Amino acid sequence: MNRYETVFIMTPVLSDEQAAETVEKFKKFLKGKGAKIKHEENWGLRKLAYPIQKKTTGFYFLVEFEADGEVITPFETEFRRDERILRFLTTAMDKYHIEYAESRRNKSKKEDTSKAKAEA
């Protein structure tokens, strides 16, 4: 099993419920193919670097998962078929990428707890 990271951008005309439903669709697809989801992050509505389909913003979502290599092609085909997806990128994670991603998550958790203590 290899580790992968996919970031996809959904069209900004979706409601929060529709965006959550879209994310669940792709997570369900991965689980159905035997993948294990390791981490997910909702980056929310962000400005795009350049207009895509005359849209300047989009809902960003990141999912990190372990799966066999043959899962990737049908997974990306699902992105291409879904009109709610503006762009997507799947990358294979090597050991350094995994280490960096975990350290980044741990760092953000520490910052969140320090902010919570400061507010209390």
PDB file of N, CA and C in Angstrom:
ATOM      1  N   MET A   1       0.844  -1.180   0.000  1.00  0.00           N
ATOM      2  CA  MET A   1       0.000   0.000   0.000  1.00  0.00           C
ATOM      3  C   MET A   1       0.888   1.242   0.000  1.00  0.00           C
ATOM      4  N   ASN A   2       0.574   2.169  -0.873  1.00  0.00           N
ATOM      5  CA  ASN A   2       1.295   3.431  -0.974  1.00  0.00           C
ATOM      6  C   ASN A   2       0.486   4.527  -0.305  1.00  0.00           C
ATOM      7  N   ARG A   3       1.149   5.598   0.045  1.00  0.00           N
ATOM      8  CA  ARG A   3       0.466   6.731   0.661  1.00  0.00           C
ATOM      9  C   ARG A   3       0.335   7.835  -0.373  1.00  0.00           C
ATOM     10  N   TYR A   4      -0.854   8.419  -0.464  1.00  0.00           N
ATOM     11  CA  TYR A   4      -1.147   9.468  -1.442  1.00  0.00           C
ATOM     12  C   TYR A   4      -1.797  10.657  -0.745  1.00  0.00           C
ATOM     13  N   GLU A   5      -1.696  11.795  -1.416  1.00  0.00           N
ATOM     14  CA  GLU A   5      -2.337  13.018  -0.949  1.00  0.00           C
ATOM     15  C   GLU A   5      -3.062  13.622  -2.146  1.00  0.00           C
ATOM     16  N   THR A   6      -4.329  13.939  -1.966  1.00  0.00           N
ATOM     17  CA  THR A   6      -5.107  14.568  -3.023  1.00  0.00           C
ATOM     18  C   THR A   6      -5.678  15.878  -2.511  1.00  0.00           C
ATOM     19  N   VAL A   7      -5.483  16.913  -3.289  1.00  0.00           N
ATOM     20  CA  VAL A   7      -6.114  18.204  -3.020  1.00  0.00           C
ATOM     21  C   VAL A   7      -7.061  18.455  -4.178  1.00  0.00           C
ATOM     22  N   PHE A   8      -8.317  18.796  -3.857  1.00  0.00           N
ATOM     23  CA  PHE A   8      -9.251  19.121  -4.927  1.00  0.00           C
ATOM     24  C   PHE A   8      -9.995  20.395  -4.599  1.00  0.00           C
ATOM     25  N   ILE A   9     -10.404  21.080  -5.669  1.00  0.00           N
ATOM     26  CA  ILE A   9     -11.096  22.360  -5.546  1.00  0.00           C
ATOM     27  C   ILE A   9     -12.502  22.189  -6.098  1.00  0.00           C
ATOM     28  N   MET A  10     -13.487  22.541  -5.269  1.00  0.00           N
ATOM     29  CA  MET A  10     -14.890  22.457  -5.674  1.00  0.00           C
ATOM     30  C   MET A  10     -15.398  23.846  -6.055  1.00  0.00           C
ATOM     31  N   THR A  11     -16.376  23.876  -6.911  1.00  0.00           N
ATOM     32  CA  THR A  11     -16.951  25.132  -7.372  1.00  0.00           C
ATOM     33  C   THR A  11     -17.530  25.931  -6.192  1.00  0.00           C
ATOM     34  N   PRO A  12     -17.408  27.248  -6.194  1.00  0.00           N
ATOM     35  CA  PRO A  12     -17.865  28.059  -5.066  1.00  0.00           C
ATOM     36  C   PRO A  12     -19.385  28.231  -4.998  1.00  0.00           C
ATOM     37  N   VAL A  13     -20.116  27.797  -6.000  1.00  0.00           N
ATOM     38  CA  VAL A  13     -21.572  27.967  -5.978  1.00  0.00           C
ATOM     39  C   VAL A  13     -22.261  26.917  -5.109  1.00  0.00           C
ATOM     40  N   LEU A  14     -21.504  25.975  -4.564  1.00  0.00           N
ATOM     41  CA  LEU A  14     -22.078  24.938  -3.708  1.00  0.00           C
ATOM     42  C   LEU A  14     -22.380  25.496  -2.320  1.00  0.00           C
ATOM     43  N   SER A  15     -23.438  24.982  -1.713  1.00  0.00           N
ATOM     44  CA  SER A  15     -23.699  25.320  -0.313  1.00  0.00           C
ATOM     45  C   SER A  15     -22.762  24.472   0.547  1.00  0.00           C
ATOM     46  N   ASP A  16     -22.701  24.762   1.833  1.00  0.00           N
ATOM     47  CA  ASP A  16     -21.841  23.986   2.726  1.00  0.00           C
ATOM     48  C   ASP A  16     -22.253  22.515   2.741  1.00  0.00           C
ATOM     49  N   GLU A  17     -23.561  22.260   2.708  1.00  0.00           N
ATOM     50  CA  GLU A  17     -24.064  20.883   2.701  1.00  0.00           C
ATOM     51  C   GLU A  17     -23.663  20.158   1.419  1.00  0.00           C
ATOM     52  N   GLN A  18     -23.753  20.846   0.289  1.00  0.00           N
ATOM     53  CA  GLN A  18     -23.385  20.232  -0.986  1.00  0.00           C
ATOM     54  C   GLN A  18     -21.886  19.955  -1.047  1.00  0.00           C
ATOM     55  N   ALA A  19     -21.089  20.861  -0.503  1.00  0.00           N
ATOM     56  CA  ALA A  19     -19.638  20.648  -0.473  1.00  0.00           C
ATOM     57  C   ALA A  19     -19.305  19.452   0.414  1.00  0.00           C
ATOM     58  N   ALA A  20     -19.957  19.358   1.574  1.00  0.00           N
ATOM     59  CA  ALA A  20     -19.726  18.223   2.474  1.00  0.00           C
ATOM     60  C   ALA A  20     -20.162  16.916   1.816  1.00  0.00           C
ATOM     61  N   GLU A  21     -21.261  16.962   1.086  1.00  0.00           N
ATOM     62  CA  GLU A  21     -21.759  15.782   0.377  1.00  0.00           C
ATOM     63  C   GLU A  21     -20.765  15.335  -0.703  1.00  0.00           C
ATOM     64  N   THR A  22     -20.165  16.286  -1.394  1.00  0.00           N
ATOM     65  CA  THR A  22     -19.169  15.981  -2.426  1.00  0.00           C
ATOM     66  C   THR A  22     -17.945  15.321  -1.802  1.00  0.00           C
ATOM     67  N   VAL A  23     -17.485  15.865  -0.681  1.00  0.00           N
ATOM     68  CA  VAL A  23     -16.330  15.294   0.009  1.00  0.00           C
ATOM     69  C   VAL A  23     -16.646  13.861   0.451  1.00  0.00           C
ATOM     70  N   GLU A  24     -17.832  13.659   1.011  1.00  0.00           N
ATOM     71  CA  GLU A  24     -18.228  12.324   1.462  1.00  0.00           C
ATOM     72  C   GLU A  24     -18.281  11.333   0.305  1.00  0.00           C
ATOM     73  N   LYS A  25     -18.706  11.796  -0.860  1.00  0.00           N
ATOM     74  CA  LYS A  25     -18.763  10.932  -2.042  1.00  0.00           C
ATOM     75  C   LYS A  25     -17.382  10.368  -2.362  1.00  0.00           C
ATOM     76  N   PHE A  26     -16.363  11.233  -2.351  1.00  0.00           N
ATOM     77  CA  PHE A  26     -15.017  10.795  -2.696  1.00  0.00           C
ATOM     78  C   PHE A  26     -14.380   9.962  -1.586  1.00  0.00           C
ATOM     79  N   LYS A  27     -14.669  10.286  -0.322  1.00  0.00           N
ATOM     80  CA  LYS A  27     -14.170   9.465   0.776  1.00  0.00           C
ATOM     81  C   LYS A  27     -14.799   8.071   0.731  1.00  0.00           C
ATOM     82  N   LYS A  28     -16.076   8.024   0.431  1.00  0.00           N
ATOM     83  CA  LYS A  28     -16.786   6.745   0.325  1.00  0.00           C
ATOM     84  C   LYS A  28     -16.210   5.913  -0.829  1.00  0.00           C
ATOM     85  N   PHE A  29     -15.878   6.570  -1.937  1.00  0.00           N
ATOM     86  CA  PHE A  29     -15.280   5.880  -3.076  1.00  0.00           C
ATOM     87  C   PHE A  29     -13.962   5.229  -2.656  1.00  0.00           C
ATOM     88  N   LEU A  30     -13.126   5.988  -1.961  1.00  0.00           N
ATOM     89  CA  LEU A  30     -11.837   5.458  -1.516  1.00  0.00           C
ATOM     90  C   LEU A  30     -12.014   4.271  -0.574  1.00  0.00           C
ATOM     91  N   LYS A  31     -12.898   4.425   0.393  1.00  0.00           N
ATOM     92  CA  LYS A  31     -13.129   3.340   1.352  1.00  0.00           C
ATOM     93  C   LYS A  31     -13.669   2.101   0.648  1.00  0.00           C
ATOM     94  N   GLY A  32     -14.505   2.302  -0.364  1.00  0.00           N
ATOM     95  CA  GLY A  32     -15.055   1.192  -1.131  1.00  0.00           C
ATOM     96  C   GLY A  32     -13.998   0.427  -1.909  1.00  0.00           C
ATOM     97  N   LYS A  33     -12.905   1.107  -2.239  1.00  0.00           N
ATOM     98  CA  LYS A  33     -11.796   0.477  -2.962  1.00  0.00           C
ATOM     99  C   LYS A  33     -10.731  -0.074  -2.018  1.00  0.00           C
ATOM    100  N   GLY A  34     -10.994  -0.031  -0.711  1.00  0.00           N
ATOM    101  CA  GLY A  34     -10.060  -0.592   0.264  1.00  0.00           C
ATOM    102  C   GLY A  34      -9.002   0.366   0.763  1.00  0.00           C
ATOM    103  N   ALA A  35      -9.142   1.640   0.489  1.00  0.00           N
ATOM    104  CA  ALA A  35      -8.164   2.627   0.949  1.00  0.00           C
ATOM    105  C   ALA A  35      -8.436   2.993   2.409  1.00  0.00           C
ATOM    106  N   LYS A  36      -7.383   3.389   3.098  1.00  0.00           N
ATOM    107  CA  LYS A  36      -7.505   3.846   4.480  1.00  0.00           C
ATOM    108  C   LYS A  36      -7.216   5.338   4.505  1.00  0.00           C
ATOM    109  N   ILE A  37      -8.173   6.123   4.943  1.00  0.00           N
ATOM    110  CA  ILE A  37      -7.981   7.575   5.019  1.00  0.00           C
ATOM    111  C   ILE A  37      -7.203   7.890   6.289  1.00  0.00           C
ATOM    112  N   LYS A  38      -6.048   8.535   6.106  1.00  0.00           N
ATOM    113  CA  LYS A  38      -5.152   8.848   7.216  1.00  0.00           C
ATOM    114  C   LYS A  38      -5.406  10.233   7.801  1.00  0.00           C
ATOM    115  N   HIS A  39      -5.736  11.182   6.937  1.00  0.00           N
ATOM    116  CA  HIS A  39      -5.932  12.555   7.392  1.00  0.00           C
ATOM    117  C   HIS A  39      -6.763  13.309   6.366  1.00  0.00           C
ATOM    118  N   GLU A  40      -7.523  14.265   6.831  1.00  0.00           N
ATOM    119  CA  GLU A  40      -8.274  15.134   5.922  1.00  0.00           C
ATOM    120  C   GLU A  40      -8.318  16.533   6.505  1.00  0.00           C
ATOM    121  N   GLU A  41      -8.334  17.518   5.619  1.00  0.00           N
ATOM    122  CA  GLU A  41      -8.399  18.924   6.026  1.00  0.00           C
ATOM    123  C   GLU A  41      -9.328  19.677   5.093  1.00  0.00           C
ATOM    124  N   ASN A  42     -10.217  20.437   5.690  1.00  0.00           N
ATOM    125  CA  ASN A  42     -11.064  21.329   4.912  1.00  0.00           C
ATOM    126  C   ASN A  42     -10.421  22.707   4.969  1.00  0.00           C
ATOM    127  N   TRP A  43      -9.915  23.165   3.833  1.00  0.00           N
ATOM    128  CA  TRP A  43      -9.253  24.466   3.792  1.00  0.00           C
ATOM    129  C   TRP A  43     -10.245  25.594   3.558  1.00  0.00           C
ATOM    130  N   GLY A  44     -11.485  25.265   3.247  1.00  0.00           N
ATOM    131  CA  GLY A  44     -12.519  26.262   3.091  1.00  0.00           C
ATOM    132  C   GLY A  44     -12.477  27.000   1.759  1.00  0.00           C
ATOM    133  N   LEU A  45     -13.191  28.099   1.707  1.00  0.00           N
ATOM    134  CA  LEU A  45     -13.288  28.909   0.497  1.00  0.00           C
ATOM    135  C   LEU A  45     -12.043  29.786   0.382  1.00  0.00           C
ATOM    136  N   ARG A  46     -11.339  29.671  -0.746  1.00  0.00           N
ATOM    137  CA  ARG A  46     -10.116  30.445  -0.977  1.00  0.00           C
ATOM    138  C   ARG A  46     -10.125  31.038  -2.374  1.00  0.00           C
ATOM    139  N   LYS A  47      -9.345  32.091  -2.518  1.00  0.00           N
ATOM    140  CA  LYS A  47      -9.207  32.733  -3.826  1.00  0.00           C
ATOM    141  C   LYS A  47      -8.289  31.877  -4.699  1.00  0.00           C
ATOM    142  N   LEU A  48      -8.666  31.721  -5.956  1.00  0.00           N
ATOM    143  CA  LEU A  48      -7.854  30.968  -6.902  1.00  0.00           C
ATOM    144  C   LEU A  48      -6.738  31.844  -7.446  1.00  0.00           C
ATOM    145  N   ALA A  49      -5.650  31.237  -7.854  1.00  0.00           N
ATOM    146  CA  ALA A  49      -4.524  31.985  -8.423  1.00  0.00           C
ATOM    147  C   ALA A  49      -4.896  32.593  -9.767  1.00  0.00           C
ATOM    148  N   TYR A  50      -5.796  31.931 -10.490  1.00  0.00           N
ATOM    149  CA  TYR A  50      -6.272  32.415 -11.785  1.00  0.00           C
ATOM    150  C   TYR A  50      -7.695  31.904 -11.972  1.00  0.00           C
ATOM    151  N   PRO A  51      -8.515  32.580 -12.756  1.00  0.00           N
ATOM    152  CA  PRO A  51      -9.899  32.136 -12.941  1.00  0.00           C
ATOM    153  C   PRO A  51      -9.978  30.760 -13.614  1.00  0.00           C
ATOM    154  N   ILE A  52     -10.883  29.935 -13.108  1.00  0.00           N
ATOM    155  CA  ILE A  52     -11.166  28.626 -13.688  1.00  0.00           C
ATOM    156  C   ILE A  52     -12.669  28.599 -13.953  1.00  0.00           C
ATOM    157  N   GLN A  53     -13.057  28.382 -15.192  1.00  0.00           N
ATOM    158  CA  GLN A  53     -14.469  28.379 -15.587  1.00  0.00           C
ATOM    159  C   GLN A  53     -15.168  29.659 -15.120  1.00  0.00           C
ATOM    160  N   LYS A  54     -14.478  30.789 -15.263  1.00  0.00           N
ATOM    161  CA  LYS A  54     -14.973  32.122 -14.897  1.00  0.00           C
ATOM    162  C   LYS A  54     -15.250  32.262 -13.392  1.00  0.00           C
ATOM    163  N   LYS A  55     -14.632  31.433 -12.578  1.00  0.00           N
ATOM    164  CA  LYS A  55     -14.781  31.514 -11.128  1.00  0.00           C
ATOM    165  C   LYS A  55     -13.441  31.909 -10.526  1.00  0.00           C
ATOM    166  N   THR A  56     -13.489  32.764  -9.500  1.00  0.00           N
ATOM    167  CA  THR A  56     -12.249  33.252  -8.896  1.00  0.00           C
ATOM    168  C   THR A  56     -12.006  32.674  -7.502  1.00  0.00           C
ATOM    169  N   THR A  57     -12.960  31.911  -6.967  1.00  0.00           N
ATOM    170  CA  THR A  57     -12.795  31.264  -5.665  1.00  0.00           C
ATOM    171  C   THR A  57     -13.222  29.804  -5.775  1.00  0.00           C
ATOM    172  N   GLY A  58     -12.878  29.034  -4.757  1.00  0.00           N
ATOM    173  CA  GLY A  58     -13.272  27.630  -4.732  1.00  0.00           C
ATOM    174  C   GLY A  58     -13.087  27.048  -3.342  1.00  0.00           C
ATOM    175  N   PHE A  59     -13.805  25.961  -3.052  1.00  0.00           N
ATOM    176  CA  PHE A  59     -13.672  25.244  -1.789  1.00  0.00           C
ATOM    177  C   PHE A  59     -12.544  24.230  -1.934  1.00  0.00           C
ATOM    178  N   TYR A  60     -11.517  24.361  -1.106  1.00  0.00           N
ATOM    179  CA  TYR A  60     -10.367  23.462  -1.153  1.00  0.00           C
ATOM    180  C   TYR A  60     -10.528  22.364  -0.098  1.00  0.00           C
ATOM    181  N   PHE A  61     -10.108  21.151  -0.456  1.00  0.00           N
ATOM    182  CA  PHE A  61     -10.133  20.038   0.492  1.00  0.00           C
ATOM    183  C   PHE A  61      -8.938  19.142   0.236  1.00  0.00           C
ATOM    184  N   LEU A  62      -8.298  18.674   1.304  1.00  0.00           N
ATOM    185  CA  LEU A  62      -7.152  17.783   1.217  1.00  0.00           C
ATOM    186  C   LEU A  62      -7.501  16.469   1.890  1.00  0.00           C
ATOM    187  N   VAL A  63      -7.154  15.363   1.252  1.00  0.00           N
ATOM    188  CA  VAL A  63      -7.326  14.040   1.858  1.00  0.00           C
ATOM    189  C   VAL A  63      -6.040  13.250   1.653  1.00  0.00           C
ATOM    190  N   GLU A  64      -5.575  12.634   2.744  1.00  0.00           N
ATOM    191  CA  GLU A  64      -4.369  11.809   2.733  1.00  0.00           C
ATOM    192  C   GLU A  64      -4.822  10.376   2.965  1.00  0.00           C
ATOM    193  N   PHE A  65      -4.364   9.448   2.127  1.00  0.00           N
ATOM    194  CA  PHE A  65      -4.849   8.071   2.248  1.00  0.00           C
ATOM    195  C   PHE A  65      -3.806   7.056   1.821  1.00  0.00           C
ATOM    196  N   GLU A  66      -3.994   5.813   2.276  1.00  0.00           N
ATOM    197  CA  GLU A  66      -3.168   4.682   1.860  1.00  0.00           C
ATOM    198  C   GLU A  66      -4.016   3.803   0.957  1.00  0.00           C
ATOM    199  N   ALA A  67      -3.457   3.458  -0.193  1.00  0.00           N
ATOM    200  CA  ALA A  67      -4.199   2.639  -1.150  1.00  0.00           C
ATOM    201  C   ALA A  67      -3.228   1.960  -2.101  1.00  0.00           C
ATOM    202  N   ASP A  68      -3.740   0.965  -2.819  1.00  0.00           N
ATOM    203  CA  ASP A  68      -2.968   0.344  -3.888  1.00  0.00           C
ATOM    204  C   ASP A  68      -2.930   1.295  -5.073  1.00  0.00           C
ATOM    205  N   GLY A  69      -1.913   1.170  -5.904  1.00  0.00           N
ATOM    206  CA  GLY A  69      -1.731   2.063  -7.040  1.00  0.00           C
ATOM    207  C   GLY A  69      -2.856   2.024  -8.050  1.00  0.00           C
ATOM    208  N   GLU A  70      -3.524   0.874  -8.195  1.00  0.00           N
ATOM    209  CA  GLU A  70      -4.587   0.780  -9.201  1.00  0.00           C
ATOM    210  C   GLU A  70      -5.863   1.517  -8.798  1.00  0.00           C
ATOM    211  N   VAL A  71      -5.921   2.038  -7.590  1.00  0.00           N
ATOM    212  CA  VAL A  71      -7.090   2.805  -7.142  1.00  0.00           C
ATOM    213  C   VAL A  71      -7.069   4.220  -7.721  1.00  0.00           C
ATOM    214  N   ILE A  72      -5.880   4.739  -8.016  1.00  0.00           N
ATOM    215  CA  ILE A  72      -5.719   6.146  -8.385  1.00  0.00           C
ATOM    216  C   ILE A  72      -6.428   6.489  -9.698  1.00  0.00           C
ATOM    217  N   THR A  73      -6.267   5.666 -10.722  1.00  0.00           N
ATOM    218  CA  THR A  73      -6.876   5.975 -12.024  1.00  0.00           C
ATOM    219  C   THR A  73      -8.398   6.078 -11.939  1.00  0.00           C
ATOM    220  N   PRO A  74      -9.109   5.095 -11.339  1.00  0.00           N
ATOM    221  CA  PRO A  74     -10.571   5.268 -11.226  1.00  0.00           C
ATOM    222  C   PRO A  74     -10.968   6.423 -10.308  1.00  0.00           C
ATOM    223  N   PHE A  75     -10.143   6.682  -9.288  1.00  0.00           N
ATOM    224  CA  PHE A  75     -10.412   7.801  -8.380  1.00  0.00           C
ATOM    225  C   PHE A  75     -10.361   9.119  -9.145  1.00  0.00           C
ATOM    226  N   GLU A  76      -9.328   9.303  -9.959  1.00  0.00           N
ATOM    227  CA  GLU A  76      -9.208  10.537 -10.738  1.00  0.00           C
ATOM    228  C   GLU A  76     -10.272  10.616 -11.826  1.00  0.00           C
ATOM    229  N   THR A  77     -10.708   9.481 -12.345  1.00  0.00           N
ATOM    230  CA  THR A  77     -11.801   9.471 -13.327  1.00  0.00           C
ATOM    231  C   THR A  77     -13.083  10.004 -12.696  1.00  0.00           C
ATOM    232  N   GLU A  78     -13.314   9.666 -11.434  1.00  0.00           N
ATOM    233  CA  GLU A  78     -14.489  10.187 -10.722  1.00  0.00           C
ATOM    234  C   GLU A  78     -14.423  11.704 -10.601  1.00  0.00           C
ATOM    235  N   PHE A  79     -13.234  12.253 -10.357  1.00  0.00           N
ATOM    236  CA  PHE A  79     -13.083  13.710 -10.300  1.00  0.00           C
ATOM    237  C   PHE A  79     -13.433  14.339 -11.644  1.00  0.00           C
ATOM    238  N   ARG A  80     -12.962  13.729 -12.721  1.00  0.00           N
ATOM    239  CA  ARG A  80     -13.215  14.278 -14.060  1.00  0.00           C
ATOM    240  C   ARG A  80     -14.703  14.244 -14.409  1.00  0.00           C
ATOM    241  N   ARG A  81     -15.420  13.258 -13.926  1.00  0.00           N
ATOM    242  CA  ARG A  81     -16.854  13.110 -14.227  1.00  0.00           C
ATOM    243  C   ARG A  81     -17.733  14.055 -13.420  1.00  0.00           C
ATOM    244  N   ASP A  82     -17.238  14.520 -12.292  1.00  0.00           N
ATOM    245  CA  ASP A  82     -18.043  15.340 -11.389  1.00  0.00           C
ATOM    246  C   ASP A  82     -17.919  16.809 -11.781  1.00  0.00           C
ATOM    247  N   GLU A  83     -19.021  17.420 -12.145  1.00  0.00           N
ATOM    248  CA  GLU A  83     -19.005  18.820 -12.591  1.00  0.00           C
ATOM    249  C   GLU A  83     -18.763  19.802 -11.443  1.00  0.00           C
ATOM    250  N   ARG A  84     -18.841  19.330 -10.203  1.00  0.00           N
ATOM    251  CA  ARG A  84     -18.601  20.204  -9.049  1.00  0.00           C
ATOM    252  C   ARG A  84     -17.115  20.424  -8.792  1.00  0.00           C
ATOM    253  N   ILE A  85     -16.251  19.616  -9.425  1.00  0.00           N
ATOM    254  CA  ILE A  85     -14.810  19.696  -9.207  1.00  0.00           C
ATOM    255  C   ILE A  85     -14.177  20.578 -10.277  1.00  0.00           C
ATOM    256  N   LEU A  86     -13.459  21.626  -9.833  1.00  0.00           N
ATOM    257  CA  LEU A  86     -12.760  22.511 -10.761  1.00  0.00           C
ATOM    258  C   LEU A  86     -11.379  21.953 -11.110  1.00  0.00           C
ATOM    259  N   ARG A  87     -10.628  21.541 -10.091  1.00  0.00           N
ATOM    260  CA  ARG A  87      -9.280  21.012 -10.280  1.00  0.00           C
ATOM    261  C   ARG A  87      -9.002  19.975  -9.196  1.00  0.00           C
ATOM    262  N   PHE A  88      -8.030  19.092  -9.465  1.00  0.00           N
ATOM    263  CA  PHE A  88      -7.578  18.136  -8.465  1.00  0.00           C
ATOM    264  C   PHE A  88      -6.136  17.785  -8.751  1.00  0.00           C
ATOM    265  N   LEU A  89      -5.440  17.334  -7.719  1.00  0.00           N
ATOM    266  CA  LEU A  89      -4.056  16.892  -7.872  1.00  0.00           C
ATOM    267  C   LEU A  89      -3.803  15.785  -6.860  1.00  0.00           C
ATOM    268  N   THR A  90      -3.348  14.644  -7.342  1.00  0.00           N
ATOM    269  CA  THR A  90      -2.989  13.527  -6.486  1.00  0.00           C
ATOM    270  C   THR A  90      -1.487  13.315  -6.584  1.00  0.00           C
ATOM    271  N   THR A  91      -0.828  13.235  -5.437  1.00  0.00           N
ATOM    272  CA  THR A  91       0.611  12.985  -5.425  1.00  0.00           C
ATOM    273  C   THR A  91       0.912  11.796  -4.534  1.00  0.00           C
ATOM    274  N   ALA A  92       1.893  10.996  -4.943  1.00  0.00           N
ATOM    275  CA  ALA A  92       2.392   9.911  -4.112  1.00  0.00           C
ATOM    276  C   ALA A  92       3.329  10.523  -3.078  1.00  0.00           C
ATOM    277  N   MET A  93       3.189  10.093  -1.839  1.00  0.00           N
ATOM    278  CA  MET A  93       3.993  10.653  -0.762  1.00  0.00           C
ATOM    279  C   MET A  93       5.182   9.733  -0.482  1.00  0.00           C
ATOM    280  N   ASP A  94       6.396  10.293  -0.506  1.00  0.00           N
ATOM    281  CA  ASP A  94       7.555   9.514  -0.090  1.00  0.00           C
ATOM    282  C   ASP A  94       7.750   9.709   1.416  1.00  0.00           C
ATOM    283  N   LYS A  95       8.763   9.080   1.990  1.00  0.00           N
ATOM    284  CA  LYS A  95       8.919   9.128   3.445  1.00  0.00           C
ATOM    285  C   LYS A  95       9.154  10.549   3.955  1.00  0.00           C
ATOM    286  N   TYR A  96       9.818  11.389   3.158  1.00  0.00           N
ATOM    287  CA  TYR A  96      10.065  12.760   3.582  1.00  0.00           C
ATOM    288  C   TYR A  96       8.784  13.594   3.552  1.00  0.00           C
ATOM    289  N   HIS A  97       7.967  13.348   2.550  1.00  0.00           N
ATOM    290  CA  HIS A  97       6.683  14.041   2.433  1.00  0.00           C
ATOM    291  C   HIS A  97       5.776  13.664   3.610  1.00  0.00           C
ATOM    292  N   ILE A  98       5.741  12.382   3.950  1.00  0.00           N
ATOM    293  CA  ILE A  98       4.921  11.909   5.071  1.00  0.00           C
ATOM    294  C   ILE A  98       5.403  12.551   6.373  1.00  0.00           C
ATOM    295  N   GLU A  99       6.722  12.544   6.563  1.00  0.00           N
ATOM    296  CA  GLU A  99       7.312  13.123   7.770  1.00  0.00           C
ATOM    297  C   GLU A  99       6.987  14.611   7.879  1.00  0.00           C
ATOM    298  N   TYR A 100       7.102  15.339   6.772  1.00  0.00           N
ATOM    299  CA  TYR A 100       6.801  16.767   6.771  1.00  0.00           C
ATOM    300  C   TYR A 100       5.325  17.017   7.079  1.00  0.00           C
ATOM    301  N   ALA A 101       4.440  16.245   6.453  1.00  0.00           N
ATOM    302  CA  ALA A 101       2.999  16.430   6.663  1.00  0.00           C
ATOM    303  C   ALA A 101       2.628  16.184   8.127  1.00  0.00           C
ATOM    304  N   GLU A 102       3.215  15.148   8.729  1.00  0.00           N
ATOM    305  CA  GLU A 102       2.913  14.854  10.131  1.00  0.00           C
ATOM    306  C   GLU A 102       3.466  15.934  11.062  1.00  0.00           C
ATOM    307  N   SER A 103       4.667  16.431  10.769  1.00  0.00           N
ATOM    308  CA  SER A 103       5.232  17.491  11.607  1.00  0.00           C
ATOM    309  C   SER A 103       4.412  18.773  11.472  1.00  0.00           C
ATOM    310  N   ARG A 104       3.921  19.065  10.264  1.00  0.00           N
ATOM    311  CA  ARG A 104       3.088  20.247  10.049  1.00  0.00           C
ATOM    312  C   ARG A 104       1.782  20.138  10.848  1.00  0.00           C
ATOM    313  N   ARG A 105       1.196  18.939  10.853  1.00  0.00           N
ATOM    314  CA  ARG A 105      -0.041  18.728  11.615  1.00  0.00           C
ATOM    315  C   ARG A 105       0.212  18.871  13.112  1.00  0.00           C
ATOM    316  N   ASN A 106       1.307  18.293  13.598  1.00  0.00           N
ATOM    317  CA  ASN A 106       1.633  18.388  15.018  1.00  0.00           C
ATOM    318  C   ASN A 106       1.897  19.829  15.421  1.00  0.00           C
ATOM    319  N   LYS A 107       2.559  20.578  14.550  1.00  0.00           N
ATOM    320  CA  LYS A 107       2.850  21.986  14.821  1.00  0.00           C
ATOM    321  C   LYS A 107       1.545  22.778  14.917  1.00  0.00           C
ATOM    322  N   SER A 108       0.616  22.528  13.990  1.00  0.00           N
ATOM    323  CA  SER A 108      -0.653  23.269  14.011  1.00  0.00           C
ATOM    324  C   SER A 108      -1.482  22.893  15.235  1.00  0.00           C
ATOM    325  N   LYS A 109      -1.391  21.631  15.700  1.00  0.00           N
ATOM    326  CA  LYS A 109      -2.112  21.229  16.918  1.00  0.00           C
ATOM    327  C   LYS A 109      -1.568  21.967  18.130  1.00  0.00           C
ATOM    328  N   LYS A 110      -0.226  22.103  18.190  1.00  0.00           N
ATOM    329  CA  LYS A 110       0.388  22.823  19.307  1.00  0.00           C
ATOM    330  C   LYS A 110      -0.034  24.284  19.294  1.00  0.00           C
ATOM    331  N   GLU A 111      -0.097  24.890  18.101  1.00  0.00           N
ATOM    332  CA  GLU A 111      -0.518  26.293  17.988  1.00  0.00           C
ATOM    333  C   GLU A 111      -1.969  26.454  18.423  1.00  0.00           C
ATOM    334  N   ASP A 112      -2.825  25.485  18.045  1.00  0.00           N
ATOM    335  CA  ASP A 112      -4.235  25.550  18.429  1.00  0.00           C
ATOM    336  C   ASP A 112      -4.407  25.466  19.934  1.00  0.00           C
ATOM    337  N   THR A 113      -3.637  24.573  20.592  1.00  0.00           N
ATOM    338  CA  THR A 113      -3.758  24.456  22.042  1.00  0.00           C
ATOM    339  C   THR A 113      -3.205  25.685  22.754  1.00  0.00           C
ATOM    340  N   SER A 114      -2.133  26.277  22.223  1.00  0.00           N
ATOM    341  CA  SER A 114      -1.579  27.483  22.850  1.00  0.00           C
ATOM    342  C   SER A 114      -2.550  28.657  22.684  1.00  0.00           C
ATOM    343  N   LYS A 115      -3.240  28.734  21.540  1.00  0.00           N
ATOM    344  CA  LYS A 115      -4.236  29.781  21.347  1.00  0.00           C
ATOM    345  C   LYS A 115      -5.397  29.602  22.312  1.00  0.00           C
ATOM    346  N   ALA A 116      -5.816  28.345  22.503  1.00  0.00           N
ATOM    347  CA  ALA A 116      -6.928  28.069  23.412  1.00  0.00           C
ATOM    348  C   ALA A 116      -6.555  28.452  24.853  1.00  0.00           C
ATOM    349  N   LYS A 117      -5.307  28.167  25.233  1.00  0.00           N
ATOM    350  CA  LYS A 117      -4.858  28.538  26.591  1.00  0.00           C
ATOM    351  C   LYS A 117      -4.788  30.049  26.748  1.00  0.00           C
ATOM    352  N   ALA A 118      -4.359  30.762  25.700  1.00  0.00           N
ATOM    353  CA  ALA A 118      -4.256  32.212  25.755  1.00  0.00           C
ATOM    354  C   ALA A 118      -5.631  32.860  25.874  1.00  0.00           C
ATOM    355  N   GLU A 119      -6.625  32.246  25.210  1.00  0.00           N
ATOM    356  CA  GLU A 119      -7.983  32.804  25.267  1.00  0.00           C
ATOM    357  C   GLU A 119      -8.657  32.541  26.594  1.00  0.00           C
ATOM    358  N   ALA A 120      -8.258  31.484  27.292  1.00  0.00           N
ATOM    359  CA  ALA A 120      -8.897  31.111  28.563  1.00  0.00           C
ATOM    360  C   ALA A 120      -8.423  31.933  29.722  1.00  0.00           C
TER     361      ALA A 120
END
